[in-house]
Amino acid sequence: MSAKELRIRPAGWESAPAEEDFALSDMDHTMPKIYVQIVEVFQLAPHVEKAKVVDSMAKGLEFTLSQFPILAGGLKMDADNGRLWVTKRKDSEVSLFVQDLEETFPSFEELDRTDFPAATFKGHRLLPKAVTEKQLFSPLGDNQEDDLLISTFQINFIKGGLVLGVAIHHNCSDGPGCDGFLTTWAQNSAAVANGTSFQVVPKETMDRSRLSAKKPDAARWKELDHKFPVLKDGGGPPPPPPADFKMPELAIRMWHFPKSKTEELKSRAMTKTGDSWISTYDAIMSILWKSITRSKLELLHPDLGKEVILVHALNTRKVLDPPLPETMMGNAVALPRTEPIKISELLAEDNLPSIAQRVRNSIKTITPQYVAELPEWIAGLNDRRWININMSSFLGMDLAGTSWQGMNVYQKHDFGFGVARAIRFPDPQFEGYVFVYPSRAGVKANAVDEGIEVCVCLERGCHDRLMKDEELLRYAQPRGN
C-alpha cells in the first residue's frame, strides 16, 4: 500500500543560515557510495495508539535533526577531484514515511518465532523508494542536478509490532555513527512520550576534523603509499562486467553460534601454548573464513596456491587518543586486512588457532598512528572518487565482513515502547560477505544458550554447500531460513 509522507525540518530551522556546507572527512571518502540500510523490529502492545507513536517519533526526529543537521542536507561532489560535501538549506527537510503492513507482512509473532530472517526484510517494502529505486551517486559527476539525499526514514506498522527502516548515506556515516544517531532519536522520542527533556549531544558529535589531514608532499605520500594495501586508487572507473555476465542467484541466510559453542570454538582456537589472546569475534570470523572459502571451491575452481585475504571493519573511535565520542557521526571505521595466505594453507586441518591469530593480528595493525596516517594518504590523492577496497570477495575467493556487535540497539534504542527486538541490514544483496550482529540474549524470550547471530551472503550453490559444512556445523546452525 502507499505510504504517508511526513516532511520533518530540524527544530529551530527558522533561525538557521540560508545555506550551510558540511565538509566530509578524508576518511569519509573511503566508503562505497551506497546507503547504510538498517531495519529495527519492535514489539507493540495490543491496541497501541499508532498516531501517538508516529507523533512522538516525528517530534523526536525534529529535535534530533537539530543535533545532527547534516542529515537534512544533500550530497555534493566536486567533479574535478571527487571531493564530497553536504549542503543544507534553511528549509531543508527529511522524509519520514508511515505505512501500515498489518495485512501484507509477517506479524511480529511470526518474525520472532523464526528469529527475524534477514531475507524477509526486503528494502523495497520497508525503506523509501528514494533509496531502493533511484540510481546511486555516480562517481563520474554526471548527476549533480539534484542533491542526493543523506537520510530518509520509514515507520512500518505490522501486526503486533513496528519495523523502523533507516537509510543514511555511507559517505556521511558508518554503522556506529548511525547507532549514535538512532540512540539519540530514541531518547528524544521517548522524551516526547514521557514529557521529559530532550537529549543534547556533545558538540564533538559533528566534528570530523580529526579524520582529515593536510595534503602531504610527494616524498611523504610515496612513504605512505605502501602502508595501506587494503585500499587502492583505481585511477578511473572500473571496467564494466563482460557482456554475457549474469547476476547469480544469492542466498542470504542467518546463522547462530550458541553461547556454549562459541566458548568451545574459542577454546579450540586458543589451544596452542604461547598464542596470545583472541576474542570470540576472532574465533567466529576464522571458522567462517575457512568454511566459506571451502564452499566456493566448486564454483570458482581456484588454484589452491593462490593467496587470499579477509577484510573486515573496525570502529576506531576508541583507538584514537583521546577517543572520539560514541555518538560522533562520520566514518571512523578502518579496514583491517589479514596477511595473505594460500588457500591450501587456509583449508588445512587443525589450523584454527593460526587463522584466529591472523584475524587478531589484523586488528592489532589499526593503531593511533594508522588512523592518523590514513587520512594523510587520502589527502595526497589527486582524485578521491576512485578509491576502492583492494580485494576480490564478490564471486571471488577473498572474504569481506563487518560487525555491528558494538551497536546499542538492545540497550538504548527505546523510542518509548521498549527496546528493539532485532536489527538487520535488509536483505543485503552482497556476495562473499558476512554481518556479525549483537547478541539478542537480553531481549529474546527463553534465550537459553543464545549467542551470536551472523548473516552470510553467498551465491546460492555455495551457501547450500556451506549448510553441509561439518566443521562449521559443530559450532553454528542455520537459523530461521
Protein backbone atom coordinates (compact mmCIF):
# COMPACT_ATOMS: atom_id res chain seq x y z
CA MET A 1 0.00 0.00 0.00
CA SER A 2 1.08 3.63 -0.43
CA ALA A 3 2.94 5.32 2.38
CA LYS A 4 2.05 8.63 4.00
CA GLU A 5 4.95 11.10 3.91
CA LEU A 6 5.75 13.49 6.74
CA ARG A 7 8.28 16.25 5.97
CA ILE A 8 10.45 16.95 9.01
CA ARG A 9 12.57 20.07 9.48
CA PRO A 10 15.17 20.35 12.24
CA ALA A 11 13.91 22.12 15.36
CA GLY A 12 14.85 25.81 15.23
CA TRP A 13 15.18 25.82 11.45
CA GLU A 14 13.75 29.32 11.30
CA SER A 15 16.99 30.77 12.71
CA ALA A 16 19.33 28.61 10.64
CA PRO A 17 21.59 30.17 7.96
CA ALA A 18 20.23 30.38 4.42
CA GLU A 19 22.72 27.67 3.46
CA GLU A 20 25.34 25.60 5.27
CA ASP A 21 28.10 23.40 3.88
CA PHE A 22 29.39 20.44 5.89
CA ALA A 23 32.79 19.17 4.81
CA LEU A 24 33.18 15.41 4.81
CA SER A 25 36.42 14.00 6.17
CA ASP A 26 39.16 12.29 4.20
CA MET A 27 38.10 9.01 5.85
CA ASP A 28 34.54 9.50 4.59
CA HIS A 29 35.85 9.16 1.02
CA THR A 30 36.93 5.54 1.59
CA MET A 31 33.36 4.25 1.89
CA PRO A 32 31.33 2.88 -1.04
CA LYS A 33 28.70 5.23 -2.43
CA ILE A 34 25.74 3.31 -1.03
CA TYR A 35 23.34 3.75 1.88
CA VAL A 36 23.79 2.15 5.27
CA GLN A 37 20.40 0.47 5.49
CA ILE A 38 19.03 -0.61 8.85
CA VAL A 39 15.75 -2.15 9.94
CA GLU A 40 14.88 -2.45 13.61
CA VAL A 41 11.91 -4.50 14.79
CA PHE A 42 9.87 -3.56 17.86
CA GLN A 43 7.01 -5.25 19.67
CA LEU A 44 3.97 -3.07 20.35
CA ALA A 45 1.32 -3.52 22.99
CA PRO A 46 -2.16 -4.56 21.80
CA HIS A 47 -4.37 -1.65 20.76
CA VAL A 48 -1.47 0.82 20.82
CA GLU A 49 -2.39 4.27 19.54
CA LYS A 50 -0.44 4.40 16.29
CA ALA A 51 -1.00 8.14 15.87
CA LYS A 52 0.73 8.79 19.22
CA VAL A 53 3.66 6.56 18.23
CA VAL A 54 4.10 8.45 14.97
CA ASP A 55 3.71 11.84 16.69
CA SER A 56 6.38 11.14 19.32
CA MET A 57 8.80 9.70 16.74
CA ALA A 58 8.27 12.64 14.38
CA LYS A 59 8.78 15.24 17.14
CA GLY A 60 11.77 13.31 18.46
CA LEU A 61 13.26 13.27 14.95
CA GLU A 62 12.67 17.01 14.60
CA PHE A 63 14.83 17.78 17.64
CA THR A 64 17.42 15.10 16.82
CA LEU A 65 17.95 16.61 13.37
CA SER A 66 18.86 19.88 15.10
CA GLN A 67 21.67 17.92 16.77
CA PHE A 68 22.65 16.09 13.54
CA PRO A 69 21.86 18.82 10.94
CA ILE A 70 23.98 17.17 8.24
CA LEU A 71 21.27 14.51 7.90
CA ALA A 72 18.89 17.10 6.44
CA GLY A 73 21.30 18.01 3.65
CA GLY A 74 22.17 16.75 0.18
CA LEU A 75 25.41 15.18 -1.03
CA LYS A 76 27.57 17.17 -3.45
CA MET A 77 30.77 16.31 -5.31
CA ASP A 78 33.50 18.33 -7.00
CA ALA A 79 33.65 16.85 -10.50
CA ASP A 80 37.34 17.76 -10.81
CA ASN A 81 38.76 15.99 -7.75
CA GLY A 82 35.97 13.82 -6.30
CA ARG A 83 35.81 15.72 -3.02
CA LEU A 84 32.46 15.32 -1.26
CA TRP A 85 30.50 17.65 0.97
CA VAL A 86 26.93 18.13 2.17
CA THR A 87 24.85 21.26 1.58
CA LYS A 88 21.88 22.05 3.83
CA ARG A 89 19.48 24.87 3.12
CA LYS A 90 17.47 26.72 5.74
CA ASP A 91 14.26 24.99 4.69
CA SER A 92 15.78 21.53 4.10
CA GLU A 93 13.54 18.66 5.12
CA VAL A 94 13.82 14.93 5.76
CA SER A 95 11.11 12.46 4.79
CA LEU A 96 9.52 10.20 7.40
CA PHE A 97 7.17 7.77 5.69
CA VAL A 98 4.48 5.83 7.53
CA GLN A 99 2.71 2.77 6.17
CA ASP A 100 0.50 0.00 7.54
CA LEU A 101 1.62 -3.51 6.58
CA GLU A 102 -0.53 -5.44 9.04
CA GLU A 103 -2.27 -7.41 6.30
CA THR A 104 0.68 -7.93 3.95
CA PHE A 105 3.79 -8.54 6.09
CA PRO A 106 4.58 -11.26 8.64
CA SER A 107 3.40 -10.47 12.16
CA PHE A 108 5.80 -9.71 14.99
CA GLU A 109 4.96 -13.10 16.50
CA GLU A 110 5.90 -14.90 13.27
CA LEU A 111 9.12 -12.90 12.85
CA ASP A 112 10.07 -13.58 16.46
CA ARG A 113 9.37 -17.30 16.10
CA THR A 114 11.65 -17.53 13.04
CA ASP A 115 14.36 -15.28 14.57
CA PHE A 116 13.91 -12.38 12.14
CA PRO A 117 15.46 -13.76 8.91
CA ALA A 118 17.36 -11.01 7.09
CA ALA A 119 15.99 -12.11 3.69
CA THR A 120 12.42 -11.43 4.89
CA PHE A 121 13.14 -7.72 5.30
CA LYS A 122 13.07 -6.54 1.69
CA GLY A 123 14.35 -3.00 1.40
CA HIS A 124 11.82 -2.02 -1.27
CA ARG A 125 9.00 -2.82 1.17
CA LEU A 126 10.42 -1.23 4.31
CA LEU A 127 12.51 1.70 3.08
CA PRO A 128 11.57 4.75 0.99
CA LYS A 129 11.77 4.26 -2.76
CA ALA A 130 14.27 7.11 -2.99
CA VAL A 131 17.00 4.78 -1.71
CA THR A 132 15.83 1.49 -3.20
CA GLU A 133 14.95 2.57 -6.75
CA LYS A 134 16.96 5.70 -7.56
CA GLN A 135 20.41 5.29 -9.11
CA LEU A 136 23.14 5.75 -6.54
CA PHE A 137 25.68 8.56 -6.65
CA SER A 138 27.72 8.46 -9.85
CA PRO A 139 31.48 8.95 -9.37
CA LEU A 140 31.56 10.45 -12.85
CA GLY A 141 29.91 13.60 -11.51
CA ASP A 142 27.13 13.40 -14.08
CA ASN A 143 24.16 13.51 -11.70
CA GLN A 144 24.79 16.82 -9.97
CA GLU A 145 21.50 18.46 -10.90
CA ASP A 146 19.74 17.09 -7.83
CA ASP A 147 21.31 16.76 -4.41
CA LEU A 148 21.44 13.15 -3.30
CA LEU A 149 19.57 12.91 0.00
CA ILE A 150 21.66 11.98 3.02
CA SER A 151 18.93 10.30 5.06
CA THR A 152 15.36 9.07 4.94
CA PHE A 153 13.18 7.02 7.29
CA GLN A 154 10.08 4.84 7.28
CA ILE A 155 7.77 3.56 10.04
CA ASN A 156 6.09 0.29 9.06
CA PHE A 157 3.31 -0.99 11.30
CA ILE A 158 2.92 -4.77 11.32
CA LYS A 159 0.57 -6.96 13.34
CA GLY A 160 1.85 -6.76 16.91
CA GLY A 161 4.80 -4.56 16.14
CA LEU A 162 6.67 -1.93 14.18
CA VAL A 163 9.58 -2.12 11.73
CA LEU A 164 11.65 1.06 11.53
CA GLY A 165 13.52 1.48 8.25
CA VAL A 166 16.56 3.78 8.21
CA ALA A 167 18.84 4.77 5.34
CA ILE A 168 21.86 7.06 5.85
CA HIS A 169 24.40 7.60 3.10
CA HIS A 170 27.61 5.72 3.79
CA ASN A 171 29.81 8.67 2.82
CA CYS A 172 28.16 10.54 5.70
CA SER A 173 28.42 7.85 8.39
CA ASP A 174 29.40 4.33 9.27
CA GLY A 175 27.29 1.91 11.32
CA PRO A 176 28.50 3.15 14.74
CA GLY A 177 27.70 6.73 13.73
CA CYS A 178 24.20 5.65 12.70
CA ASP A 179 23.91 3.93 16.09
CA GLY A 180 24.72 7.21 17.86
CA PHE A 181 22.04 8.99 15.88
CA LEU A 182 19.45 6.25 16.48
CA THR A 183 20.21 6.21 20.21
CA THR A 184 19.63 9.98 20.35
CA TRP A 185 16.44 9.80 18.24
CA ALA A 186 15.11 7.05 20.51
CA GLN A 187 15.85 9.08 23.65
CA ASN A 188 14.16 12.16 22.22
CA SER A 189 11.09 10.25 21.04
CA ALA A 190 10.76 8.67 24.47
CA ALA A 191 11.12 12.16 25.97
CA VAL A 192 8.12 13.33 23.93
CA ALA A 193 6.08 10.34 25.05
CA ASN A 194 7.08 10.76 28.71
CA GLY A 195 7.10 14.55 28.89
CA THR A 196 10.81 14.76 29.78
CA SER A 197 13.73 16.78 28.41
CA PHE A 198 15.36 16.26 25.02
CA GLN A 199 18.87 14.81 24.74
CA VAL A 200 21.61 17.26 23.71
CA VAL A 201 24.65 15.52 22.22
CA PRO A 202 28.24 16.70 22.78
CA LYS A 203 29.34 19.35 20.29
CA GLU A 204 32.13 16.99 19.20
CA THR A 205 29.48 14.72 17.68
CA MET A 206 29.53 16.74 14.46
CA ASP A 207 33.30 17.36 14.44
CA ARG A 208 35.04 15.02 11.99
CA SER A 209 38.17 17.18 11.59
CA ARG A 210 40.41 14.61 13.32
CA LEU A 211 39.70 12.22 10.44
CA SER A 212 41.23 14.58 7.86
CA ALA A 213 44.79 15.70 7.18
CA LYS A 214 46.81 18.25 5.21
CA LYS A 215 47.97 17.19 1.77
CA PRO A 216 51.46 15.64 2.07
CA ASP A 217 54.30 16.49 -0.28
CA ALA A 218 55.29 13.96 -2.94
CA ALA A 219 58.06 12.36 -0.88
CA ARG A 220 55.83 11.91 2.16
CA TRP A 221 52.98 10.47 0.09
CA LYS A 222 55.35 7.96 -1.50
CA GLU A 223 56.40 6.93 2.00
CA LEU A 224 52.76 6.42 2.96
CA ASP A 225 51.63 4.68 -0.21
CA HIS A 226 52.78 1.16 0.78
CA LYS A 227 51.18 1.29 4.24
CA PHE A 228 47.55 0.77 3.18
CA PRO A 229 47.37 -2.23 0.85
CA VAL A 230 43.68 -2.67 1.67
CA LEU A 231 42.88 0.48 -0.36
CA LYS A 232 43.86 1.40 -3.89
CA ASP A 233 43.47 4.35 -6.19
CA GLY A 234 41.70 2.89 -9.21
CA GLY A 235 42.71 5.88 -11.34
CA GLY A 236 39.40 5.79 -13.18
CA PRO A 237 36.10 3.95 -13.42
CA PRO A 238 36.21 0.16 -13.13
CA PRO A 239 35.70 -1.81 -16.35
CA PRO A 240 32.14 -2.95 -16.99
CA PRO A 241 31.31 -6.62 -16.46
CA PRO A 242 31.54 -8.89 -19.52
CA ALA A 243 28.63 -8.56 -21.93
CA ASP A 244 27.46 -12.08 -21.11
CA PHE A 245 27.65 -11.64 -17.30
CA LYS A 246 24.57 -12.81 -15.49
CA MET A 247 24.00 -11.94 -11.86
CA PRO A 248 23.91 -15.22 -9.92
CA GLU A 249 21.15 -16.10 -7.52
CA LEU A 250 22.16 -15.19 -3.98
CA ALA A 251 21.19 -16.86 -0.71
CA ILE A 252 21.04 -14.51 2.30
CA ARG A 253 20.82 -16.66 5.43
CA MET A 254 21.13 -16.19 9.17
CA TRP A 255 23.42 -18.37 11.29
CA HIS A 256 23.54 -18.71 15.07
CA PHE A 257 26.61 -19.51 17.18
CA PRO A 258 25.17 -20.64 20.57
CA LYS A 259 27.00 -19.29 23.63
CA SER A 260 28.22 -22.73 24.71
CA LYS A 261 29.50 -23.44 21.21
CA THR A 262 31.29 -20.10 20.92
CA GLU A 263 33.10 -20.88 24.18
CA GLU A 264 34.07 -24.27 22.78
CA LEU A 265 35.16 -22.70 19.49
CA LYS A 266 37.19 -20.02 21.23
CA SER A 267 38.86 -22.64 23.42
CA ARG A 268 39.78 -24.67 20.34
CA ALA A 269 41.16 -21.56 18.65
CA MET A 270 43.46 -20.88 21.63
CA THR A 271 44.84 -24.38 22.13
CA LYS A 272 48.44 -23.70 21.14
CA THR A 273 50.74 -22.82 24.01
CA GLY A 274 52.12 -19.32 23.76
CA ASP A 275 49.45 -17.92 21.47
CA SER A 276 48.18 -14.54 22.56
CA TRP A 277 44.59 -13.75 23.49
CA ILE A 278 41.85 -13.86 20.86
CA SER A 279 38.26 -12.69 21.04
CA THR A 280 35.04 -14.58 20.35
CA TYR A 281 34.76 -12.44 17.22
CA ASP A 282 38.20 -13.61 16.04
CA ALA A 283 37.21 -17.24 16.50
CA ILE A 284 33.89 -16.81 14.66
CA MET A 285 35.47 -14.95 11.75
CA SER A 286 38.24 -17.50 11.42
CA ILE A 287 35.92 -20.50 11.08
CA LEU A 288 33.59 -18.57 8.74
CA TRP A 289 36.55 -17.56 6.59
CA LYS A 290 37.72 -21.14 6.35
CA SER A 291 34.31 -22.73 5.71
CA ILE A 292 33.10 -20.08 3.23
CA THR A 293 36.34 -20.45 1.28
CA ARG A 294 35.74 -24.19 1.14
CA SER A 295 32.18 -23.62 -0.11
CA LYS A 296 33.43 -21.60 -3.10
CA LEU A 297 35.88 -24.18 -4.47
CA GLU A 298 33.32 -25.95 -6.64
CA LEU A 299 32.06 -22.68 -8.16
CA LEU A 300 35.35 -20.90 -8.82
CA HIS A 301 37.91 -23.76 -9.15
CA PRO A 302 40.79 -21.62 -7.85
CA ASP A 303 44.46 -22.52 -7.86
CA LEU A 304 44.99 -23.72 -4.28
CA GLY A 305 48.34 -21.94 -4.30
CA LYS A 306 46.53 -18.61 -4.77
CA GLU A 307 46.72 -16.23 -1.81
CA VAL A 308 43.54 -14.87 -0.25
CA ILE A 309 42.66 -12.32 2.44
CA LEU A 310 39.94 -11.44 4.90
CA VAL A 311 38.99 -7.76 5.11
CA HIS A 312 36.68 -6.61 7.89
CA ALA A 313 35.73 -3.42 9.73
CA LEU A 314 36.95 -1.87 12.98
CA ASN A 315 35.46 1.14 14.76
CA THR A 316 38.42 3.43 15.55
CA ARG A 317 36.56 5.87 17.82
CA LYS A 318 38.23 4.28 20.84
CA VAL A 319 41.56 3.76 19.06
CA LEU A 320 42.25 7.48 18.82
CA ASP A 321 43.76 9.26 21.83
CA PRO A 322 41.76 10.97 23.14
CA PRO A 323 38.88 8.84 21.86
CA LEU A 324 36.12 10.25 19.69
CA PRO A 325 32.60 10.45 21.19
CA GLU A 326 30.49 7.32 20.73
CA THR A 327 27.81 9.45 19.06
CA MET A 328 30.27 11.01 16.56
CA MET A 329 28.69 10.97 13.11
CA GLY A 330 31.12 10.12 10.35
CA ASN A 331 33.25 7.30 9.07
CA ALA A 332 35.72 6.34 11.76
CA VAL A 333 35.90 2.76 10.51
CA ALA A 334 39.19 1.29 9.36
CA LEU A 335 39.52 -1.93 7.36
CA PRO A 336 41.87 -4.47 8.94
CA ARG A 337 43.31 -6.86 6.34
CA THR A 338 44.81 -10.22 7.22
CA GLU A 339 48.18 -11.19 5.87
CA PRO A 340 47.64 -13.13 2.62
CA ILE A 341 47.53 -16.92 2.97
CA LYS A 342 47.45 -19.66 0.37
CA ILE A 343 44.07 -21.33 0.01
CA SER A 344 45.68 -24.71 0.69
CA GLU A 345 47.07 -23.41 4.00
CA LEU A 346 43.77 -21.78 4.97
CA LEU A 347 41.93 -25.08 4.42
CA ALA A 348 44.48 -27.27 6.21
CA GLU A 349 43.41 -29.46 9.13
CA ASP A 350 43.69 -28.31 12.76
CA ASN A 351 44.86 -24.78 11.93
CA LEU A 352 42.11 -22.73 13.59
CA PRO A 353 44.48 -21.21 16.20
CA SER A 354 46.77 -19.82 13.50
CA ILE A 355 43.81 -18.49 11.46
CA ALA A 356 42.27 -16.84 14.53
CA GLN A 357 45.64 -15.30 15.33
CA ARG A 358 45.76 -13.92 11.79
CA VAL A 359 42.40 -12.22 12.38
CA ARG A 360 43.57 -10.82 15.74
CA ASN A 361 46.86 -9.58 14.24
CA SER A 362 44.98 -7.70 11.52
CA ILE A 363 43.04 -5.83 14.23
CA LYS A 364 46.29 -5.00 16.03
CA THR A 365 47.55 -3.15 12.96
CA ILE A 366 44.90 -0.46 13.48
CA THR A 367 46.84 1.82 15.81
CA PRO A 368 46.53 5.55 16.53
CA GLN A 369 49.38 6.06 14.04
CA TYR A 370 47.48 4.09 11.37
CA VAL A 371 44.36 6.19 11.91
CA ALA A 372 46.43 9.39 11.74
CA GLU A 373 48.30 8.44 8.56
CA LEU A 374 45.41 7.03 6.53
CA PRO A 375 43.72 10.44 6.06
CA GLU A 376 47.10 11.83 5.04
CA TRP A 377 47.40 9.20 2.29
CA ILE A 378 43.88 10.03 1.09
CA ALA A 379 44.63 13.77 1.14
CA GLY A 380 47.53 13.13 -1.23
CA LEU A 381 45.32 11.67 -3.95
CA ASN A 382 44.55 13.92 -6.91
CA ASP A 383 41.09 12.40 -7.30
CA ARG A 384 39.28 10.71 -4.42
CA ARG A 385 36.37 9.23 -6.34
CA TRP A 386 38.28 6.13 -7.48
CA ILE A 387 39.30 4.84 -4.02
CA ASN A 388 38.50 1.13 -3.93
CA ILE A 389 38.82 -1.66 -1.40
CA ASN A 390 41.63 -3.81 -2.77
CA MET A 391 40.12 -7.29 -2.61
CA SER A 392 38.09 -9.82 -4.57
CA SER A 393 35.18 -11.07 -2.48
CA PHE A 394 32.21 -10.74 -4.86
CA LEU A 395 32.31 -14.07 -6.71
CA GLY A 396 35.94 -14.21 -5.62
CA MET A 397 37.96 -16.12 -3.06
CA ASP A 398 38.50 -13.29 -0.55
CA LEU A 399 36.01 -12.67 2.25
CA ALA A 400 34.61 -9.33 3.45
CA GLY A 401 32.80 -8.74 6.70
CA THR A 402 31.55 -6.16 9.14
CA SER A 403 30.41 -6.22 12.75
CA TRP A 404 27.56 -4.32 14.37
CA GLN A 405 28.22 -6.03 17.72
CA GLY A 406 29.02 -2.71 19.39
CA MET A 407 25.71 -1.10 18.50
CA ASN A 408 23.44 -0.26 21.43
CA VAL A 409 20.24 -1.45 19.77
CA TYR A 410 19.16 -3.79 22.61
CA GLN A 411 20.15 -1.40 25.39
CA LYS A 412 19.32 2.15 24.23
CA HIS A 413 17.04 2.06 21.16
CA ASP A 414 13.82 2.61 23.11
CA PHE A 415 11.53 5.11 21.37
CA GLY A 416 9.02 4.98 24.21
CA PHE A 417 7.61 1.48 23.64
CA GLY A 418 10.53 -0.78 24.60
CA VAL A 419 13.91 -1.54 23.08
CA ALA A 420 14.27 -3.11 19.64
CA ARG A 421 13.97 -6.88 19.45
CA ALA A 422 16.07 -7.31 16.29
CA ILE A 423 18.35 -5.34 13.98
CA ARG A 424 19.10 -6.31 10.39
CA PHE A 425 20.58 -4.93 7.19
CA PRO A 426 17.55 -5.55 4.93
CA ASP A 427 18.13 -8.46 2.51
CA PRO A 428 21.72 -7.44 1.67
CA GLN A 429 22.49 -8.18 -1.98
CA PHE A 430 26.19 -8.77 -1.41
CA GLU A 431 28.26 -11.85 -2.17
CA GLY A 432 31.22 -13.12 -0.20
CA TYR A 433 30.13 -11.01 2.78
CA VAL A 434 29.20 -11.58 6.43
CA PHE A 435 27.46 -9.36 9.01
CA VAL A 436 28.11 -10.10 12.70
CA TYR A 437 25.21 -8.85 14.85
CA PRO A 438 24.94 -8.15 18.58
CA SER A 439 23.54 -10.94 20.72
CA ARG A 440 19.79 -10.90 21.36
CA ALA A 441 20.21 -12.75 24.66
CA GLY A 442 18.84 -9.79 26.63
CA VAL A 443 15.67 -9.37 24.55
CA LYS A 444 14.84 -12.86 23.27
CA ALA A 445 12.26 -14.90 25.16
CA ASN A 446 13.57 -18.20 26.52
CA ALA A 447 17.06 -17.24 25.39
CA VAL A 448 18.69 -20.44 26.58
CA ASP A 449 22.25 -20.56 25.21
CA GLU A 450 21.59 -17.53 23.00
CA GLY A 451 24.85 -16.45 21.36
CA ILE A 452 25.99 -14.54 18.30
CA GLU A 453 23.96 -14.05 15.11
CA VAL A 454 25.66 -13.79 11.72
CA CYS A 455 24.17 -13.06 8.31
CA VAL A 456 26.06 -14.80 5.50
CA CYS A 457 25.64 -13.58 1.90
CA LEU A 458 26.73 -16.08 -0.76
CA GLU A 459 25.93 -17.43 -4.20
CA ARG A 460 23.14 -19.96 -3.66
CA GLY A 461 25.10 -23.08 -4.59
CA CYS A 462 27.97 -22.04 -2.32
CA HIS A 463 25.58 -21.38 0.54
CA ASP A 464 23.90 -24.75 0.03
CA ARG A 465 27.33 -26.38 0.40
CA LEU A 466 28.08 -24.22 3.45
CA MET A 467 24.96 -25.58 5.15
CA LYS A 468 26.52 -29.04 4.97
CA ASP A 469 29.99 -28.00 6.17
CA GLU A 470 30.75 -30.38 9.02
CA GLU A 471 33.37 -28.19 10.69
CA LEU A 472 31.10 -25.13 10.76
CA LEU A 473 28.08 -27.17 11.88
CA ARG A 474 30.00 -28.20 15.02
CA TYR A 475 29.65 -24.61 16.26
CA ALA A 476 26.78 -22.91 14.38
CA GLN A 477 23.38 -23.68 12.90
CA PRO A 478 21.33 -22.01 10.17
CA ARG A 479 18.55 -20.01 11.79
CA GLY A 480 15.02 -19.17 10.63
CA ASN A 481 15.73 -19.56 6.91
